[in-house]
Protein backbone atom coordinates (compact mmCIF):
# COMPACT_ATOMS: atom_id res chain seq x y z
CA MET A 1 -24.62 42.32 18.64
CA LYS A 2 -27.90 42.57 19.82
CA GLU A 3 -30.13 39.31 20.06
CA ASN A 4 -34.35 38.68 19.77
CA LYS A 5 -35.15 36.49 21.91
CA LEU A 6 -37.96 35.18 22.96
CA THR A 7 -37.79 33.47 25.68
CA GLY A 8 -35.87 35.02 29.01
CA GLN A 9 -33.27 34.46 31.68
CA THR A 10 -36.73 33.47 34.10
CA PHE A 11 -38.41 31.80 31.53
CA TRP A 12 -35.76 28.96 31.27
CA GLU A 13 -35.05 29.85 35.45
CA ASP A 14 -38.72 28.43 36.20
CA TYR A 15 -37.95 26.50 33.47
CA TRP A 16 -36.35 24.00 34.58
CA GLU A 17 -37.29 24.02 38.26
CA GLY A 18 -40.13 22.69 37.50
CA LYS A 19 -37.96 19.63 35.71
CA PRO A 20 -36.10 18.02 38.67
CA GLY A 21 -34.80 14.41 38.10
CA GLN A 22 -36.24 13.61 34.85
CA LYS A 23 -36.04 10.50 33.78
CA SER A 24 -33.29 9.63 30.60
CA LYS A 25 -35.27 10.43 27.85
CA LYS A 26 -33.83 7.49 25.09
CA LYS A 27 -34.69 4.98 27.27
CA THR A 28 -38.51 5.60 26.69
CA SER A 29 -38.80 8.18 23.81
CA LEU A 30 -38.53 6.48 20.27
CA ALA A 31 -38.08 10.02 18.32
CA VAL A 32 -34.40 10.84 20.64
CA ARG A 33 -32.90 7.54 19.78
CA GLU A 34 -33.17 8.45 16.03
CA LEU A 35 -31.59 11.93 17.63
CA LEU A 36 -29.22 9.55 18.95
CA LYS A 37 -28.72 7.38 15.92
CA THR A 38 -27.98 10.68 14.19
CA PHE A 39 -25.41 11.63 16.23
CA ASP A 40 -23.52 7.95 15.77
CA ARG A 41 -23.68 7.65 12.33
CA PHE A 42 -22.28 11.44 11.60
CA LEU A 43 -20.34 12.83 14.51
CA PRO A 44 -16.12 11.80 14.10
CA ALA A 45 -15.24 9.16 16.75
CA THR A 46 -12.16 10.72 17.69
CA LYS A 47 -11.38 10.15 21.52
CA GLY A 48 -9.95 14.15 23.67
CA LEU A 49 -12.32 15.82 20.64
CA THR A 50 -13.17 19.21 22.81
CA ILE A 51 -17.27 19.60 22.12
CA LEU A 52 -19.26 22.83 24.33
CA GLU A 53 -23.28 22.02 23.79
CA VAL A 54 -24.97 25.75 23.89
CA GLY A 55 -28.00 25.58 25.74
CA GLY A 56 -26.47 22.83 28.18
CA ALA A 57 -29.19 21.65 30.74
CA TYR A 58 -29.58 19.31 32.29
CA GLY A 59 -26.34 17.67 30.44
CA GLU A 60 -28.38 13.90 29.12
CA TYR A 61 -27.11 14.62 25.50
CA LEU A 62 -23.48 16.17 26.80
CA LEU A 63 -23.38 13.09 28.71
CA TYR A 64 -24.22 11.66 26.26
CA LEU A 65 -21.67 11.71 23.90
CA THR A 66 -18.93 12.32 26.52
CA ARG A 67 -19.49 8.04 27.11
CA ARG A 68 -19.63 7.60 23.72
CA PHE A 69 -16.90 9.20 22.10
CA ASP A 70 -14.91 10.00 25.33
CA TYR A 71 -15.44 13.60 24.45
CA LYS A 72 -14.05 16.71 26.64
CA ALA A 73 -17.46 17.56 28.26
CA TYR A 74 -18.21 21.47 28.05
CA SER A 75 -21.92 23.41 28.61
CA LEU A 76 -22.63 27.35 28.60
CA ASP A 77 -26.44 27.85 29.35
CA TYR A 78 -26.66 31.23 31.84
CA SER A 79 -29.71 29.60 34.49
CA HIS A 80 -28.22 29.03 37.04
CA ILE A 81 -31.19 25.64 38.60
CA GLY A 82 -30.46 24.16 34.54
CA ASN A 83 -25.79 24.80 35.28
CA GLU A 84 -26.69 22.60 39.38
CA GLN A 85 -28.43 20.11 36.88
CA THR A 86 -25.38 19.69 34.46
CA LEU A 87 -23.13 18.99 37.55
CA GLU A 88 -25.47 17.14 39.30
CA THR A 89 -25.41 14.66 36.10
CA PHE A 90 -21.59 14.44 34.52
CA SER A 91 -21.53 14.18 38.97
CA LYS A 92 -23.83 10.73 39.31
CA ALA A 93 -22.00 9.77 35.90
CA GLY A 94 -18.57 10.09 37.32
CA LEU A 95 -17.38 12.09 34.93
CA PRO A 96 -15.78 15.69 34.53
CA VAL A 97 -17.81 18.51 32.62
CA GLU A 98 -16.80 22.44 33.02
CA VAL A 99 -19.80 24.16 32.57
CA PHE A 100 -19.70 27.87 31.86
CA GLU A 101 -22.79 30.27 33.94
CA ARG A 102 -23.69 32.57 30.99
CA ASP A 103 -25.30 34.44 28.33
CA LEU A 104 -24.02 33.27 25.11
CA PHE A 105 -24.25 36.82 24.28
CA SER A 106 -22.07 38.04 26.55
CA ASP A 107 -18.86 38.42 26.07
CA ASN A 108 -17.19 35.15 25.42
CA SER A 109 -13.40 36.22 23.99
CA ASP A 110 -11.97 34.45 27.54
CA LEU A 111 -13.74 30.86 26.73
CA PRO A 112 -10.76 28.43 23.82
CA GLN A 113 -12.71 27.26 20.12
CA PHE A 114 -14.01 24.06 20.69
CA ASP A 115 -13.52 20.95 17.70
CA ILE A 116 -18.40 20.04 17.80
CA VAL A 117 -20.25 22.24 19.19
CA TYR A 118 -23.83 22.07 19.22
CA SER A 119 -27.75 22.76 20.92
CA LEU A 120 -30.39 20.95 20.12
CA GLY A 121 -33.90 23.18 20.80
CA PHE A 122 -32.20 26.58 21.02
CA ILE A 123 -32.03 28.42 17.94
CA GLU A 124 -35.96 28.29 17.15
CA HIS A 125 -35.82 30.97 21.13
CA PHE A 126 -35.05 33.80 18.27
CA ASP A 127 -35.78 36.24 15.69
CA GLU A 128 -32.92 36.46 14.23
CA PRO A 129 -31.33 33.06 13.71
CA GLU A 130 -28.47 33.54 11.44
CA LYS A 131 -26.85 35.81 14.21
CA VAL A 132 -27.48 32.88 17.40
CA VAL A 133 -25.98 30.66 14.54
CA ALA A 134 -23.33 33.29 14.37
CA LYS A 135 -22.78 33.13 18.24
CA HIS A 136 -22.16 29.38 17.87
CA LEU A 137 -19.42 29.80 15.40
CA ASP A 138 -16.88 32.13 17.24
CA LEU A 139 -17.10 29.15 19.95
CA LEU A 140 -15.55 26.75 16.97
CA LYS A 141 -12.84 25.80 16.02
CA PRO A 142 -12.16 26.28 11.73
CA GLY A 143 -12.59 22.67 10.53
CA GLY A 144 -15.17 22.07 14.02
CA ILE A 145 -18.22 20.07 13.40
CA LEU A 146 -21.38 22.15 14.29
CA LEU A 147 -24.82 20.75 15.31
CA LEU A 148 -27.66 22.66 15.42
CA GLY A 149 -31.49 21.06 16.56
CA VAL A 150 -35.17 22.07 15.84
CA PRO A 151 -37.75 20.69 17.31
CA ASN A 152 -40.68 21.24 14.84
CA TYR A 153 -44.10 22.03 15.60
CA ALA A 154 -44.23 22.92 12.74
CA GLY A 155 -47.10 21.02 10.03
CA ILE A 156 -49.91 19.06 11.30
CA TYR A 157 -48.80 20.45 14.53
CA GLN A 158 -49.36 24.08 14.36
CA PRO A 159 -53.30 24.02 13.44
CA VAL A 160 -53.32 21.66 16.55
CA LEU A 161 -51.00 23.57 18.75
CA LYS A 162 -52.29 26.93 18.07
CA ARG A 163 -55.55 25.56 18.98
CA LEU A 164 -54.30 24.36 22.69
CA ALA A 165 -50.57 25.24 23.60
CA PRO A 166 -51.03 29.31 21.86
CA SER A 167 -47.92 30.78 23.25
CA ILE A 168 -46.12 27.76 21.10
CA ALA A 169 -46.02 30.46 18.78
CA GLN A 170 -45.32 33.22 21.31
CA THR A 171 -41.07 31.80 22.49
CA HIS A 172 -40.48 29.85 19.31
CA ASN A 173 -40.06 30.59 15.55
CA MET A 174 -42.09 28.91 13.42
CA GLN A 175 -39.86 29.70 10.35
CA ILE A 176 -36.86 27.67 11.66
CA MET A 177 -38.90 24.92 11.35
CA ASN A 178 -38.71 24.50 7.59
CA ILE A 179 -34.92 22.64 6.62
CA GLU A 180 -34.99 25.58 2.99
CA ASN A 181 -34.60 28.82 5.12
CA TRP A 182 -31.26 27.68 6.09
CA LYS A 183 -29.83 28.14 3.99
CA ILE A 184 -29.87 31.73 4.57
CA PHE A 185 -27.17 31.19 7.27
CA GLU A 186 -26.00 28.27 5.87
CA GLU A 187 -24.46 30.44 2.50
CA LYS A 188 -24.18 33.30 5.03
CA TYR A 189 -21.58 31.80 7.00
CA SER A 190 -20.12 29.11 3.58
CA LEU A 191 -20.73 25.64 6.07
CA GLN A 192 -20.52 22.88 4.99
CA PRO A 193 -23.24 20.41 5.15
CA VAL A 194 -22.31 16.65 6.55
CA PHE A 195 -25.57 15.43 7.53
CA LYS A 196 -29.64 18.07 7.32
CA GLY A 197 -32.71 16.51 7.14
CA TYR A 198 -35.80 16.14 8.96
CA ILE A 199 -35.61 12.70 11.16
CA GLY A 200 -37.82 11.11 13.71
CA GLY A 201 -41.17 10.22 11.35
CA PHE A 202 -44.01 11.20 12.98
CA GLU A 203 -44.47 12.56 16.88
CA PRO A 204 -47.04 12.83 19.02
CA LEU A 205 -45.42 14.29 21.98
CA ASN A 206 -44.71 17.53 19.63
CA MET A 207 -48.51 18.18 20.63
CA LYS A 208 -48.72 17.21 24.00
CA LYS A 209 -49.73 19.84 25.73
CA ILE A 210 -52.13 21.89 27.15
CA GLU A 211 -53.18 25.25 27.68
CA ILE A 212 -56.39 26.41 27.30
CA ARG A 213 -59.33 23.28 29.40
CA THR A 214 -61.98 23.19 27.48
CA PRO A 215 -63.92 19.86 26.38
CA SER A 216 -63.27 19.96 22.42
CA ASN A 217 -60.41 19.93 24.20
CA ARG A 218 -59.72 17.59 26.69
CA VAL A 219 -60.71 15.54 23.77
CA ILE A 220 -58.11 16.82 21.32
CA TYR A 221 -55.00 16.15 23.88
CA PHE A 222 -56.85 12.79 25.04
CA PHE A 223 -56.05 11.72 21.59
CA THR A 224 -52.51 12.68 20.78
CA ARG A 225 -52.14 10.90 23.73
CA VAL A 226 -53.99 7.03 22.71
CA LEU A 227 -51.88 8.47 19.28
CA MET A 228 -48.49 8.73 21.73
CA VAL A 229 -49.46 5.07 23.05
CA MET A 230 -49.58 3.85 18.91
CA PHE A 231 -46.31 5.47 17.66
CA SER A 232 -44.15 4.63 20.42
CA PHE A 233 -45.52 0.66 20.87
CA ARG A 234 -47.07 -0.45 17.94
CA MET A 235 -46.35 1.92 14.88
CA GLY A 236 -43.00 2.53 15.26
CA PHE A 237 -41.80 1.49 11.91
CA LEU A 238 -43.52 4.51 11.08
CA ARG A 239 -40.72 7.14 11.67
CA LYS A 240 -38.59 5.44 9.39
CA PHE A 241 -40.20 8.00 6.34
CA ASN A 242 -39.75 12.10 7.02
CA SER A 243 -41.16 14.85 5.67
CA LYS A 244 -40.92 18.49 6.39
CA PHE A 245 -44.68 17.45 7.64
CA TRP A 246 -44.56 15.64 9.79
CA SER A 247 -41.99 14.89 11.48
CA GLY A 248 -40.98 15.54 14.78
CA TYR A 249 -37.10 16.93 14.51
CA LEU A 250 -34.41 18.20 11.64
CA ILE A 251 -31.48 18.54 13.15
CA GLY A 252 -27.88 19.81 10.53
CA ILE A 253 -25.03 18.65 11.37
CA TYR A 254 -21.71 21.54 9.42
CA ARG A 255 -18.12 22.04 9.03
CA LYS A 256 -16.32 25.25 9.33
CA THR A 257 -14.26 26.11 6.26
CA GLU A 258 -10.71 26.62 7.73
CA SER A 259 -10.78 30.14 5.87
């Protein structure tokens, strides 16, 4: 199966090399807290289940799930730098993790199938996400849980990003940020929805990117930072209101059919 990536291995090595020693997101981001609440609500609370994160660097979400549910943790990523960060994340926590340094589209027939397979911010980097979902399902046991998460750079964010950071459209599949388009692979693979929807409400952080630093763009960027403060501390209650036009994230949790 040939994949059509919007990013490559060099992109991700550079990305993770520039992000050493990150602080815990769940302590600083209300949007991440909403994501963790979704995990807590809909993932099985069964100790000892095996869980694989696809594109798993640098392991913070995987660590959360391992601690929260006492899962057995596995990660698959082709970034050596990112994998080293995952190993460091778990080492500092004193917990085990097995890391597979390989491409999702390589021959993974030697790997076992897992009880839960998930990715966050992964499938939107491909032209044909349904093929990526198929590779997730290859690694998932029948009856297992598939979880997919994608940031929403469409809706009201798209015109701002088009002006401030046009490369976003080059490295992200904007069509997959409309959850209605997920029906293509839901129906193709007979996935049984457990939960699907937009979460996190309005997220100014999705616009906190600037590549073209004109004076007018700097002003727009400044106001995105102001909005970040407002929606993190003073107006956080508005995050409970969700829509494809302004919510910062979308997520789908499915059960793989038994047959």
